[in-house]
Amino acid sequence: MTAQIARVDLPTEGTVRRWIRETDQPLFLYVSFAVLISAFSLATPIFLTASNLLNIANQTALVTIMAMGVAFVIITAEIDLSVGSTLALSGVCAALFMRDAINNWLLAAIVAIAVGAMVGAVNGVLAVRIRIPSFLVTLGTLSMARGITLLVTGTSPVLVNNETFWSVFAEGTFIGIAAPILWTVLVVAIAWAVLHYGIFGRQLYATGGNIDAARFSGINTRRVKTVAFIVSGALAGLAGTIVAARGHAIRPDVGAGVELDVIAAVILGGVSLFGGKGKIYGVILGSLIIGILNNGLVLLGVDPSIQLTIKGFLIVVAVAFAKR
């Protein structure tokens, strides 16, 4: 009798490539996350302290909240560049409402979210109904929302004097978890349920993946895209309330450039710029990468201009990997 030698089938190069293609997120995402954690942990002992990790979570909250809405838009093969200015306009409107109308935290929050949703609705109508490319539309509303914010404030900060507002959106805690993190968890949970388990989520993927096939299957693709823009604006409005509560005031220039962090988080998270692809947990991981990168570079004293260069490079690399 001849001895039987057990054979182990090693994965071939083609098998590995097929596995990478079939995973929900690009391998680049996980590698980047691990490399950043390791590099900053070795570079500075402060990075892995509990207080700094909590600081990262708080700093990442705004980006994650807005990234949920922008992910909806990008999945439909559109884009929203106006979230930073929408954040500022919404926060300012909430602060002005409490100062000049009714000092009620709940009504002020509703005003902020409604203003954000209105900006999103304008983006949706112009991009979907009038068929102006969303890149140009949201670039225009980015400028207009910022201009209106500067106009209504006279370029001066607006104070917020409502302790309940501060507590609910920024300074309060529940079982030791800060309010901004709790709001982030709530938004992520809802976005996860809608995108991955709801009918509207399937419509988003279908619209971005193949708009003609989606139309033939009976999906109102115009409505789907418009609602995605409204959701993006409303979440930017929620982020504006958190900013206003966090500082007990809001400046008209707040949020300038934050759209770069938001879009970087979405693209790094594996959401395809070409539409029809993306997962919520990937966007969360992308937001954490941006938060860790920002925090680590600040701890190391890296010049802000170099930080922008690094984030831009990451976006280019992420898009290149996603396209492949």
C-alpha atoms as a PDB file:
ATOM      1  CA  MET A   1       0.000   0.000   0.000  1.00  0.00           C
ATOM      2  CA  THR A   2       1.228   3.447  -0.799  1.00  0.00           C
ATOM      3  CA  ALA A   3       0.927   6.134   1.795  1.00  0.00           C
ATOM      4  CA  GLN A   4      -1.632   8.784   1.035  1.00  0.00           C
ATOM      5  CA  ILE A   5      -0.219  12.268   1.456  1.00  0.00           C
ATOM      6  CA  ALA A   6      -2.747  14.898   2.358  1.00  0.00           C
ATOM      7  CA  ARG A   7      -2.829  17.721  -0.131  1.00  0.00           C
ATOM      8  CA  VAL A   8      -3.626  21.262   0.802  1.00  0.00           C
ATOM      9  CA  ASP A   9      -4.896  23.442  -2.022  1.00  0.00           C
ATOM     10  CA  LEU A  10      -3.270  26.822  -1.624  1.00  0.00           C
ATOM     11  CA  PRO A  11      -5.151  29.787  -3.029  1.00  0.00           C
ATOM     12  CA  THR A  12      -3.943  30.799  -6.429  1.00  0.00           C
ATOM     13  CA  GLU A  13      -3.253  34.376  -7.446  1.00  0.00           C
ATOM     14  CA  GLY A  14      -6.556  34.405  -9.338  1.00  0.00           C
ATOM     15  CA  THR A  15      -8.415  33.187  -6.237  1.00  0.00           C
ATOM     16  CA  VAL A  16      -6.923  35.946  -4.088  1.00  0.00           C
ATOM     17  CA  ARG A  17      -7.808  38.592  -6.650  1.00  0.00           C
ATOM     18  CA  ARG A  18     -11.356  37.235  -6.887  1.00  0.00           C
ATOM     19  CA  TRP A  19     -11.681  37.292  -3.070  1.00  0.00           C
ATOM     20  CA  ILE A  20     -10.530  40.916  -2.961  1.00  0.00           C
ATOM     21  CA  ARG A  21     -13.043  41.864  -5.668  1.00  0.00           C
ATOM     22  CA  GLU A  22     -15.873  40.085  -3.875  1.00  0.00           C
ATOM     23  CA  THR A  23     -15.239  41.582  -0.417  1.00  0.00           C
ATOM     24  CA  ASP A  24     -17.511  44.460   0.497  1.00  0.00           C
ATOM     25  CA  GLN A  25     -14.616  46.845   1.108  1.00  0.00           C
ATOM     26  CA  PRO A  26     -11.228  47.352  -0.573  1.00  0.00           C
ATOM     27  CA  LEU A  27      -8.244  45.803   1.185  1.00  0.00           C
ATOM     28  CA  PHE A  28      -6.691  49.273   1.160  1.00  0.00           C
ATOM     29  CA  LEU A  29      -9.241  50.367   3.795  1.00  0.00           C
ATOM     30  CA  TYR A  30      -8.187  47.794   6.379  1.00  0.00           C
ATOM     31  CA  VAL A  31      -4.485  48.217   5.655  1.00  0.00           C
ATOM     32  CA  SER A  32      -4.757  52.005   6.075  1.00  0.00           C
ATOM     33  CA  PHE A  33      -6.585  51.649   9.375  1.00  0.00           C
ATOM     34  CA  ALA A  34      -4.019  49.206  10.794  1.00  0.00           C
ATOM     35  CA  VAL A  35      -1.043  51.224   9.563  1.00  0.00           C
ATOM     36  CA  LEU A  36      -2.329  54.494  11.033  1.00  0.00           C
ATOM     37  CA  ILE A  37      -3.085  52.921  14.423  1.00  0.00           C
ATOM     38  CA  SER A  38       0.339  51.303  14.567  1.00  0.00           C
ATOM     39  CA  ALA A  39       2.264  54.349  13.330  1.00  0.00           C
ATOM     40  CA  PHE A  40       0.668  56.886  15.669  1.00  0.00           C
ATOM     41  CA  SER A  41       0.860  54.489  18.634  1.00  0.00           C
ATOM     42  CA  LEU A  42       4.602  54.226  18.124  1.00  0.00           C
ATOM     43  CA  ALA A  43       5.088  57.912  17.337  1.00  0.00           C
ATOM     44  CA  THR A  44       3.393  59.341  20.422  1.00  0.00           C
ATOM     45  CA  PRO A  45       2.436  57.718  23.756  1.00  0.00           C
ATOM     46  CA  ILE A  46      -0.570  60.041  24.049  1.00  0.00           C
ATOM     47  CA  PHE A  47      -2.375  58.496  21.093  1.00  0.00           C
ATOM     48  CA  LEU A  48      -3.698  55.338  22.782  1.00  0.00           C
ATOM     49  CA  THR A  49      -4.730  56.998  26.039  1.00  0.00           C
ATOM     50  CA  ALA A  50      -8.406  56.778  26.972  1.00  0.00           C
ATOM     51  CA  SER A  51      -8.855  60.546  26.904  1.00  0.00           C
ATOM     52  CA  ASN A  52      -7.397  60.833  23.408  1.00  0.00           C
ATOM     53  CA  LEU A  53      -9.465  57.954  22.039  1.00  0.00           C
ATOM     54  CA  LEU A  54     -12.571  59.666  23.442  1.00  0.00           C
ATOM     55  CA  ASN A  55     -11.397  62.874  21.812  1.00  0.00           C
ATOM     56  CA  ILE A  56     -11.119  61.075  18.451  1.00  0.00           C
ATOM     57  CA  ALA A  57     -14.660  59.724  18.842  1.00  0.00           C
ATOM     58  CA  ASN A  58     -16.004  63.209  19.580  1.00  0.00           C
ATOM     59  CA  GLN A  59     -14.077  64.787  16.708  1.00  0.00           C
ATOM     60  CA  THR A  60     -15.215  62.075  14.307  1.00  0.00           C
ATOM     61  CA  ALA A  61     -18.900  62.412  15.251  1.00  0.00           C
ATOM     62  CA  LEU A  62     -19.676  65.329  12.927  1.00  0.00           C
ATOM     63  CA  VAL A  63     -17.875  63.782   9.965  1.00  0.00           C
ATOM     64  CA  THR A  64     -19.624  60.440  10.495  1.00  0.00           C
ATOM     65  CA  ILE A  65     -23.086  61.999  10.740  1.00  0.00           C
ATOM     66  CA  MET A  66     -22.646  63.982   7.521  1.00  0.00           C
ATOM     67  CA  ALA A  67     -20.927  61.057   5.797  1.00  0.00           C
ATOM     68  CA  MET A  68     -24.080  58.965   6.224  1.00  0.00           C
ATOM     69  CA  GLY A  69     -26.067  61.448   4.129  1.00  0.00           C
ATOM     70  CA  VAL A  70     -23.324  62.003   1.560  1.00  0.00           C
ATOM     71  CA  ALA A  71     -23.013  58.219   1.178  1.00  0.00           C
ATOM     72  CA  PHE A  72     -26.702  58.064   0.209  1.00  0.00           C
ATOM     73  CA  VAL A  73     -26.084  60.713  -2.451  1.00  0.00           C
ATOM     74  CA  ILE A  74     -22.918  59.139  -3.856  1.00  0.00           C
ATOM     75  CA  ILE A  75     -24.535  55.679  -4.020  1.00  0.00           C
ATOM     76  CA  THR A  76     -27.018  57.225  -6.484  1.00  0.00           C
ATOM     77  CA  ALA A  77     -24.020  58.386  -8.601  1.00  0.00           C
ATOM     78  CA  GLU A  78     -24.368  62.038  -7.532  1.00  0.00           C
ATOM     79  CA  ILE A  79     -22.276  64.149  -5.152  1.00  0.00           C
ATOM     80  CA  ASP A  80     -22.885  66.794  -2.476  1.00  0.00           C
ATOM     81  CA  LEU A  81     -20.148  69.370  -1.900  1.00  0.00           C
ATOM     82  CA  SER A  82     -22.345  71.763   0.081  1.00  0.00           C
ATOM     83  CA  VAL A  83     -22.471  69.977   3.456  1.00  0.00           C
ATOM     84  CA  GLY A  84     -19.916  72.240   5.162  1.00  0.00           C
ATOM     85  CA  SER A  85     -21.770  75.437   4.280  1.00  0.00           C
ATOM     86  CA  THR A  86     -25.110  73.781   5.062  1.00  0.00           C
ATOM     87  CA  LEU A  87     -23.779  72.926   8.522  1.00  0.00           C
ATOM     88  CA  ALA A  88     -22.862  76.568   9.124  1.00  0.00           C
ATOM     89  CA  LEU A  89     -26.155  77.968   7.812  1.00  0.00           C
ATOM     90  CA  SER A  90     -28.243  75.487   9.822  1.00  0.00           C
ATOM     91  CA  GLY A  91     -26.339  76.084  13.037  1.00  0.00           C
ATOM     92  CA  VAL A  92     -26.565  79.842  12.639  1.00  0.00           C
ATOM     93  CA  CYS A  93     -30.318  79.642  11.982  1.00  0.00           C
ATOM     94  CA  ALA A  94     -30.802  77.579  15.163  1.00  0.00           C
ATOM     95  CA  ALA A  95     -28.781  80.096  17.202  1.00  0.00           C
ATOM     96  CA  LEU A  96     -30.611  83.099  15.738  1.00  0.00           C
ATOM     97  CA  PHE A  97     -33.977  81.414  16.359  1.00  0.00           C
ATOM     98  CA  MET A  98     -33.184  80.956  20.049  1.00  0.00           C
ATOM     99  CA  ARG A  99     -31.784  84.479  20.349  1.00  0.00           C
ATOM    100  CA  ASP A 100     -34.400  86.446  18.406  1.00  0.00           C
ATOM    101  CA  ALA A 101     -37.555  84.295  18.436  1.00  0.00           C
ATOM    102  CA  ILE A 102     -38.185  81.501  20.950  1.00  0.00           C
ATOM    103  CA  ASN A 103     -35.470  80.218  23.256  1.00  0.00           C
ATOM    104  CA  ASN A 104     -36.610  76.611  22.861  1.00  0.00           C
ATOM    105  CA  TRP A 105     -33.943  73.988  22.184  1.00  0.00           C
ATOM    106  CA  LEU A 106     -36.265  71.516  20.430  1.00  0.00           C
ATOM    107  CA  LEU A 107     -37.749  74.073  18.033  1.00  0.00           C
ATOM    108  CA  ALA A 108     -34.255  75.405  17.321  1.00  0.00           C
ATOM    109  CA  ALA A 109     -33.044  71.908  16.429  1.00  0.00           C
ATOM    110  CA  ILE A 110     -36.045  71.397  14.151  1.00  0.00           C
ATOM    111  CA  VAL A 111     -35.278  74.721  12.459  1.00  0.00           C
ATOM    112  CA  ALA A 112     -31.658  73.687  11.875  1.00  0.00           C
ATOM    113  CA  ILE A 113     -32.572  70.305  10.403  1.00  0.00           C
ATOM    114  CA  ALA A 114     -35.340  71.878   8.277  1.00  0.00           C
ATOM    115  CA  VAL A 115     -32.934  74.488   6.883  1.00  0.00           C
ATOM    116  CA  GLY A 116     -30.483  71.730   6.012  1.00  0.00           C
ATOM    117  CA  ALA A 117     -33.237  69.709   4.354  1.00  0.00           C
ATOM    118  CA  MET A 118     -34.275  72.780   2.325  1.00  0.00           C
ATOM    119  CA  VAL A 119     -30.725  73.202   1.014  1.00  0.00           C
ATOM    120  CA  GLY A 120     -30.756  69.507   0.129  1.00  0.00           C
ATOM    121  CA  ALA A 121     -34.101  69.887  -1.634  1.00  0.00           C
ATOM    122  CA  VAL A 122     -32.719  72.770  -3.718  1.00  0.00           C
ATOM    123  CA  ASN A 123     -29.732  70.601  -4.650  1.00  0.00           C
ATOM    124  CA  GLY A 124     -32.039  67.740  -5.583  1.00  0.00           C
ATOM    125  CA  VAL A 125     -34.389  69.818  -7.710  1.00  0.00           C
ATOM    126  CA  LEU A 126     -31.583  71.514  -9.621  1.00  0.00           C
ATOM    127  CA  ALA A 127     -29.566  68.338 -10.129  1.00  0.00           C
ATOM    128  CA  VAL A 128     -32.410  65.909 -10.825  1.00  0.00           C
ATOM    129  CA  ARG A 129     -35.276  67.922 -12.250  1.00  0.00           C
ATOM    130  CA  ILE A 130     -33.360  70.584 -14.170  1.00  0.00           C
ATOM    131  CA  ARG A 131     -30.482  68.162 -14.831  1.00  0.00           C
ATOM    132  CA  ILE A 132     -27.585  70.391 -13.886  1.00  0.00           C
ATOM    133  CA  PRO A 133     -24.610  68.219 -12.866  1.00  0.00           C
ATOM    134  CA  SER A 134     -24.674  67.790  -9.098  1.00  0.00           C
ATOM    135  CA  PHE A 135     -20.997  68.744  -8.870  1.00  0.00           C
ATOM    136  CA  LEU A 136     -21.817  72.207 -10.229  1.00  0.00           C
ATOM    137  CA  VAL A 137     -25.085  72.547  -8.323  1.00  0.00           C
ATOM    138  CA  THR A 138     -23.611  71.747  -4.927  1.00  0.00           C
ATOM    139  CA  LEU A 139     -20.527  73.838  -5.648  1.00  0.00           C
ATOM    140  CA  GLY A 140     -22.914  76.744  -6.207  1.00  0.00           C
ATOM    141  CA  THR A 141     -25.023  76.078  -3.104  1.00  0.00           C
ATOM    142  CA  LEU A 142     -21.803  75.724  -1.105  1.00  0.00           C
ATOM    143  CA  SER A 143     -21.006  79.331  -1.991  1.00  0.00           C
ATOM    144  CA  MET A 144     -24.582  80.604  -1.621  1.00  0.00           C
ATOM    145  CA  ALA A 145     -25.183  79.012   1.788  1.00  0.00           C
ATOM    146  CA  ARG A 146     -21.900  80.419   3.055  1.00  0.00           C
ATOM    147  CA  GLY A 147     -22.763  83.849   1.694  1.00  0.00           C
ATOM    148  CA  ILE A 148     -26.207  83.828   3.340  1.00  0.00           C
ATOM    149  CA  THR A 149     -24.612  82.747   6.618  1.00  0.00           C
ATOM    150  CA  LEU A 150     -22.171  85.665   6.521  1.00  0.00           C
ATOM    151  CA  LEU A 151     -24.975  88.045   5.558  1.00  0.00           C
ATOM    152  CA  VAL A 152     -27.419  87.158   8.341  1.00  0.00           C
ATOM    153  CA  THR A 153     -24.713  87.186  11.023  1.00  0.00           C
ATOM    154  CA  GLY A 154     -22.851  90.270   9.849  1.00  0.00           C
ATOM    155  CA  THR A 155     -19.739  88.028   9.920  1.00  0.00           C
ATOM    156  CA  SER A 156     -19.976  87.904  13.736  1.00  0.00           C
ATOM    157  CA  PRO A 157     -20.447  84.813  15.949  1.00  0.00           C
ATOM    158  CA  VAL A 158     -23.937  84.124  17.311  1.00  0.00           C
ATOM    159  CA  LEU A 159     -24.135  83.166  20.980  1.00  0.00           C
ATOM    160  CA  VAL A 160     -26.260  80.258  22.219  1.00  0.00           C
ATOM    161  CA  ASN A 161     -27.677  80.730  25.726  1.00  0.00           C
ATOM    162  CA  ASN A 162     -29.738  77.618  26.288  1.00  0.00           C
ATOM    163  CA  GLU A 163     -28.321  75.111  28.755  1.00  0.00           C
ATOM    164  CA  THR A 164     -30.676  72.334  27.668  1.00  0.00           C
ATOM    165  CA  PHE A 165     -29.519  72.798  24.072  1.00  0.00           C
ATOM    166  CA  TRP A 166     -25.897  72.508  25.248  1.00  0.00           C
ATOM    167  CA  SER A 167     -26.658  69.362  27.194  1.00  0.00           C
ATOM    168  CA  VAL A 168     -28.772  67.533  24.601  1.00  0.00           C
ATOM    169  CA  PHE A 169     -26.409  68.064  21.683  1.00  0.00           C
ATOM    170  CA  ALA A 170     -22.934  68.454  23.162  1.00  0.00           C
ATOM    171  CA  GLU A 171     -22.224  68.369  26.873  1.00  0.00           C
ATOM    172  CA  GLY A 172     -24.672  65.793  28.211  1.00  0.00           C
ATOM    173  CA  THR A 173     -23.810  62.125  28.779  1.00  0.00           C
ATOM    174  CA  PHE A 174     -25.706  58.862  29.034  1.00  0.00           C
ATOM    175  CA  ILE A 175     -24.047  55.901  30.791  1.00  0.00           C
ATOM    176  CA  GLY A 176     -20.811  57.809  30.392  1.00  0.00           C
ATOM    177  CA  ILE A 177     -21.150  58.343  26.619  1.00  0.00           C
ATOM    178  CA  ALA A 178     -21.064  61.928  25.319  1.00  0.00           C
ATOM    179  CA  ALA A 179     -24.090  63.340  23.492  1.00  0.00           C
ATOM    180  CA  PRO A 180     -22.371  63.788  20.067  1.00  0.00           C
ATOM    181  CA  ILE A 181     -21.369  60.113  20.083  1.00  0.00           C
ATOM    182  CA  LEU A 182     -24.914  59.080  21.015  1.00  0.00           C
ATOM    183  CA  TRP A 183     -26.332  61.144  18.143  1.00  0.00           C
ATOM    184  CA  THR A 184     -23.802  59.520  15.830  1.00  0.00           C
ATOM    185  CA  VAL A 185     -24.815  56.033  16.948  1.00  0.00           C
ATOM    186  CA  LEU A 186     -28.491  56.876  16.385  1.00  0.00           C
ATOM    187  CA  VAL A 187     -27.862  58.245  12.875  1.00  0.00           C
ATOM    188  CA  VAL A 188     -25.641  55.289  11.941  1.00  0.00           C
ATOM    189  CA  ALA A 189     -28.232  52.780  13.193  1.00  0.00           C
ATOM    190  CA  ILE A 190     -31.004  54.397  11.155  1.00  0.00           C
ATOM    191  CA  ALA A 191     -28.822  54.717   8.056  1.00  0.00           C
ATOM    192  CA  TRP A 192     -27.749  51.076   8.397  1.00  0.00           C
ATOM    193  CA  ALA A 193     -31.351  49.883   8.677  1.00  0.00           C
ATOM    194  CA  VAL A 194     -32.550  52.004   5.748  1.00  0.00           C
ATOM    195  CA  LEU A 195     -29.658  51.255   3.402  1.00  0.00           C
ATOM    196  CA  HIS A 196     -29.205  47.550   4.052  1.00  0.00           C
ATOM    197  CA  TYR A 197     -32.656  46.378   5.095  1.00  0.00           C
ATOM    198  CA  GLY A 198     -35.146  48.892   3.734  1.00  0.00           C
ATOM    199  CA  ILE A 199     -36.882  49.228   0.376  1.00  0.00           C
ATOM    200  CA  PHE A 200     -35.486  52.730  -0.081  1.00  0.00           C
ATOM    201  CA  GLY A 201     -31.961  51.381   0.359  1.00  0.00           C
ATOM    202  CA  ARG A 202     -32.495  48.875  -2.468  1.00  0.00           C
ATOM    203  CA  GLN A 203     -33.831  51.690  -4.610  1.00  0.00           C
ATOM    204  CA  LEU A 204     -30.696  53.745  -3.914  1.00  0.00           C
ATOM    205  CA  TYR A 205     -28.430  50.902  -5.021  1.00  0.00           C
ATOM    206  CA  ALA A 206     -30.557  50.191  -8.091  1.00  0.00           C
ATOM    207  CA  THR A 207     -30.610  53.865  -9.113  1.00  0.00           C
ATOM    208  CA  GLY A 208     -26.856  54.244  -8.796  1.00  0.00           C
ATOM    209  CA  GLY A 209     -26.014  50.851 -10.264  1.00  0.00           C
ATOM    210  CA  ASN A 210     -28.101  51.065 -13.430  1.00  0.00           C
ATOM    211  CA  ILE A 211     -30.523  53.959 -13.651  1.00  0.00           C
ATOM    212  CA  ASP A 212     -32.206  52.735 -16.848  1.00  0.00           C
ATOM    213  CA  ALA A 213     -32.870  49.286 -15.397  1.00  0.00           C
ATOM    214  CA  ALA A 214     -34.174  50.917 -12.210  1.00  0.00           C
ATOM    215  CA  ARG A 215     -36.637  53.013 -14.229  1.00  0.00           C
ATOM    216  CA  PHE A 216     -37.846  49.986 -16.178  1.00  0.00           C
ATOM    217  CA  SER A 217     -38.423  48.145 -12.888  1.00  0.00           C
ATOM    218  CA  GLY A 218     -40.758  50.934 -11.749  1.00  0.00           C
ATOM    219  CA  ILE A 219     -38.453  52.901  -9.442  1.00  0.00           C
ATOM    220  CA  ASN A 220     -38.962  56.647  -9.442  1.00  0.00           C
ATOM    221  CA  THR A 221     -35.270  57.450  -9.757  1.00  0.00           C
ATOM    222  CA  ARG A 222     -35.837  61.211  -9.634  1.00  0.00           C
ATOM    223  CA  ARG A 223     -37.596  60.931  -6.310  1.00  0.00           C
ATOM    224  CA  VAL A 224     -34.914  58.607  -4.946  1.00  0.00           C
ATOM    225  CA  LYS A 225     -32.102  61.008  -5.828  1.00  0.00           C
ATOM    226  CA  THR A 226     -33.977  64.036  -4.519  1.00  0.00           C
ATOM    227  CA  VAL A 227     -34.689  62.331  -1.186  1.00  0.00           C
ATOM    228  CA  ALA A 228     -31.003  61.364  -0.927  1.00  0.00           C
ATOM    229  CA  PHE A 229     -30.031  65.040  -1.272  1.00  0.00           C
ATOM    230  CA  ILE A 230     -32.640  66.026   1.342  1.00  0.00           C
ATOM    231  CA  VAL A 231     -31.282  63.425   3.779  1.00  0.00           C
ATOM    232  CA  SER A 232     -27.747  64.718   3.225  1.00  0.00           C
ATOM    233  CA  GLY A 233     -28.840  68.293   3.933  1.00  0.00           C
ATOM    234  CA  ALA A 234     -30.866  67.328   7.001  1.00  0.00           C
ATOM    235  CA  LEU A 235     -27.920  65.470   8.536  1.00  0.00           C
ATOM    236  CA  ALA A 236     -25.690  68.468   7.861  1.00  0.00           C
ATOM    237  CA  GLY A 237     -28.328  70.476   9.758  1.00  0.00           C
ATOM    238  CA  LEU A 238     -28.097  68.071  12.693  1.00  0.00           C
ATOM    239  CA  ALA A 239     -24.321  68.462  12.636  1.00  0.00           C
ATOM    240  CA  GLY A 240     -24.844  72.233  12.737  1.00  0.00           C
ATOM    241  CA  THR A 241     -26.861  71.954  15.954  1.00  0.00           C
ATOM    242  CA  ILE A 242     -24.065  69.932  17.552  1.00  0.00           C
ATOM    243  CA  VAL A 243     -21.462  72.529  16.541  1.00  0.00           C
ATOM    244  CA  ALA A 244     -23.582  75.373  17.926  1.00  0.00           C
ATOM    245  CA  ALA A 245     -24.135  73.536  21.217  1.00  0.00           C
ATOM    246  CA  ARG A 246     -20.512  72.463  21.564  1.00  0.00           C
ATOM    247  CA  GLY A 247     -19.095  75.984  21.457  1.00  0.00           C
ATOM    248  CA  HIS A 248     -22.063  77.800  23.087  1.00  0.00           C
ATOM    249  CA  ALA A 249     -21.856  79.912  19.937  1.00  0.00           C
ATOM    250  CA  ILE A 250     -21.404  79.462  16.220  1.00  0.00           C
ATOM    251  CA  ARG A 251     -19.197  81.367  13.808  1.00  0.00           C
ATOM    252  CA  PRO A 252     -20.300  81.992  10.206  1.00  0.00           C
ATOM    253  CA  ASP A 253     -17.060  80.465   8.900  1.00  0.00           C
ATOM    254  CA  VAL A 254     -17.465  77.170  10.790  1.00  0.00           C
ATOM    255  CA  GLY A 255     -17.362  74.018   8.686  1.00  0.00           C
ATOM    256  CA  ALA A 256     -15.274  75.529   5.904  1.00  0.00           C
ATOM    257  CA  GLY A 257     -13.473  72.656   4.202  1.00  0.00           C
ATOM    258  CA  VAL A 258     -15.177  69.922   6.231  1.00  0.00           C
ATOM    259  CA  GLU A 259     -16.712  68.583   3.007  1.00  0.00           C
ATOM    260  CA  LEU A 260     -13.227  67.295   2.123  1.00  0.00           C
ATOM    261  CA  ASP A 261     -13.141  65.175   5.286  1.00  0.00           C
ATOM    262  CA  VAL A 262     -16.694  63.932   4.705  1.00  0.00           C
ATOM    263  CA  ILE A 263     -16.175  62.947   1.086  1.00  0.00           C
ATOM    264  CA  ALA A 264     -12.799  61.416   1.947  1.00  0.00           C
ATOM    265  CA  ALA A 265     -14.472  59.284   4.633  1.00  0.00           C
ATOM    266  CA  VAL A 266     -17.144  58.089   2.196  1.00  0.00           C
ATOM    267  CA  ILE A 267     -14.701  57.271  -0.602  1.00  0.00           C
ATOM    268  CA  LEU A 268     -12.192  55.638   1.747  1.00  0.00           C
ATOM    269  CA  GLY A 269     -15.108  53.602   3.091  1.00  0.00           C
ATOM    270  CA  GLY A 270     -15.583  51.916  -0.257  1.00  0.00           C
ATOM    271  CA  VAL A 271     -18.553  53.873  -1.615  1.00  0.00           C
ATOM    272  CA  SER A 272     -18.035  54.052  -5.357  1.00  0.00           C
ATOM    273  CA  LEU A 273     -18.061  57.471  -7.012  1.00  0.00           C
ATOM    274  CA  PHE A 274     -19.682  55.711  -9.954  1.00  0.00           C
ATOM    275  CA  GLY A 275     -22.708  54.742  -7.863  1.00  0.00           C
ATOM    276  CA  GLY A 276     -24.433  51.528  -6.836  1.00  0.00           C
ATOM    277  CA  LYS A 277     -21.858  50.334  -4.292  1.00  0.00           C
ATOM    278  CA  GLY A 278     -21.059  50.995  -0.648  1.00  0.00           C
ATOM    279  CA  LYS A 279     -21.676  49.814   2.911  1.00  0.00           C
ATOM    280  CA  ILE A 280     -22.392  51.766   6.083  1.00  0.00           C
ATOM    281  CA  TYR A 281     -19.730  49.987   8.120  1.00  0.00           C
ATOM    282  CA  GLY A 282     -17.180  50.949   5.475  1.00  0.00           C
ATOM    283  CA  VAL A 283     -18.181  54.608   5.828  1.00  0.00           C
ATOM    284  CA  ILE A 284     -17.792  54.321   9.615  1.00  0.00           C
ATOM    285  CA  LEU A 285     -14.303  52.906   9.165  1.00  0.00           C
ATOM    286  CA  GLY A 286     -13.495  55.622   6.635  1.00  0.00           C
ATOM    287  CA  SER A 287     -14.614  58.288   9.114  1.00  0.00           C
ATOM    288  CA  LEU A 288     -12.434  56.745  11.808  1.00  0.00           C
ATOM    289  CA  ILE A 289      -9.454  56.776   9.464  1.00  0.00           C
ATOM    290  CA  ILE A 290      -9.972  60.499   8.829  1.00  0.00           C
ATOM    291  CA  GLY A 291     -10.435  61.154  12.554  1.00  0.00           C
ATOM    292  CA  ILE A 292      -7.335  59.155  13.489  1.00  0.00           C
ATOM    293  CA  LEU A 293      -5.323  60.841  10.749  1.00  0.00           C
ATOM    294  CA  ASN A 294      -6.374  64.334  11.850  1.00  0.00           C
ATOM    295  CA  ASN A 295      -5.744  63.583  15.508  1.00  0.00           C
ATOM    296  CA  GLY A 296      -2.407  61.881  14.994  1.00  0.00           C
ATOM    297  CA  LEU A 297      -1.036  64.586  12.721  1.00  0.00           C
ATOM    298  CA  VAL A 298      -2.042  67.278  15.221  1.00  0.00           C
ATOM    299  CA  LEU A 299      -0.345  65.379  18.051  1.00  0.00           C
ATOM    300  CA  LEU A 300       2.799  65.205  15.945  1.00  0.00           C
ATOM    301  CA  GLY A 301       2.616  68.922  15.159  1.00  0.00           C
ATOM    302  CA  VAL A 302       2.332  68.442  11.406  1.00  0.00           C
ATOM    303  CA  ASP A 303       1.617  71.608   9.409  1.00  0.00           C
ATOM    304  CA  PRO A 304      -2.078  71.934   8.350  1.00  0.00           C
ATOM    305  CA  SER A 305      -1.104  72.311   4.692  1.00  0.00           C
ATOM    306  CA  ILE A 306       0.689  68.963   4.831  1.00  0.00           C
ATOM    307  CA  GLN A 307      -2.390  67.441   6.471  1.00  0.00           C
ATOM    308  CA  LEU A 308      -4.511  68.560   3.503  1.00  0.00           C
ATOM    309  CA  THR A 309      -1.944  67.114   1.102  1.00  0.00           C
ATOM    310  CA  ILE A 310      -1.998  63.748   2.862  1.00  0.00           C
ATOM    311  CA  LYS A 311      -5.820  63.591   2.881  1.00  0.00           C
ATOM    312  CA  GLY A 312      -5.948  64.493  -0.801  1.00  0.00           C
ATOM    313  CA  PHE A 313      -3.441  61.763  -1.556  1.00  0.00           C
ATOM    314  CA  LEU A 314      -5.540  59.230   0.369  1.00  0.00           C
ATOM    315  CA  ILE A 315      -8.633  60.141  -1.647  1.00  0.00           C
ATOM    316  CA  VAL A 316      -6.779  59.669  -4.948  1.00  0.00           C
ATOM    317  CA  VAL A 317      -5.385  56.313  -3.841  1.00  0.00           C
ATOM    318  CA  ALA A 318      -8.785  55.150  -2.553  1.00  0.00           C
ATOM    319  CA  VAL A 319     -10.490  56.042  -5.841  1.00  0.00           C
ATOM    320  CA  ALA A 320      -7.736  54.252  -7.768  1.00  0.00           C
ATOM    321  CA  PHE A 321      -8.201  51.082  -5.716  1.00  0.00           C
ATOM    322  CA  ALA A 322     -11.994  51.278  -5.994  1.00  0.00           C
ATOM    323  CA  LYS A 323     -11.795  51.622  -9.782  1.00  0.00           C
ATOM    324  CA  ARG A 324      -9.538  48.596 -10.046  1.00  0.00           C
END
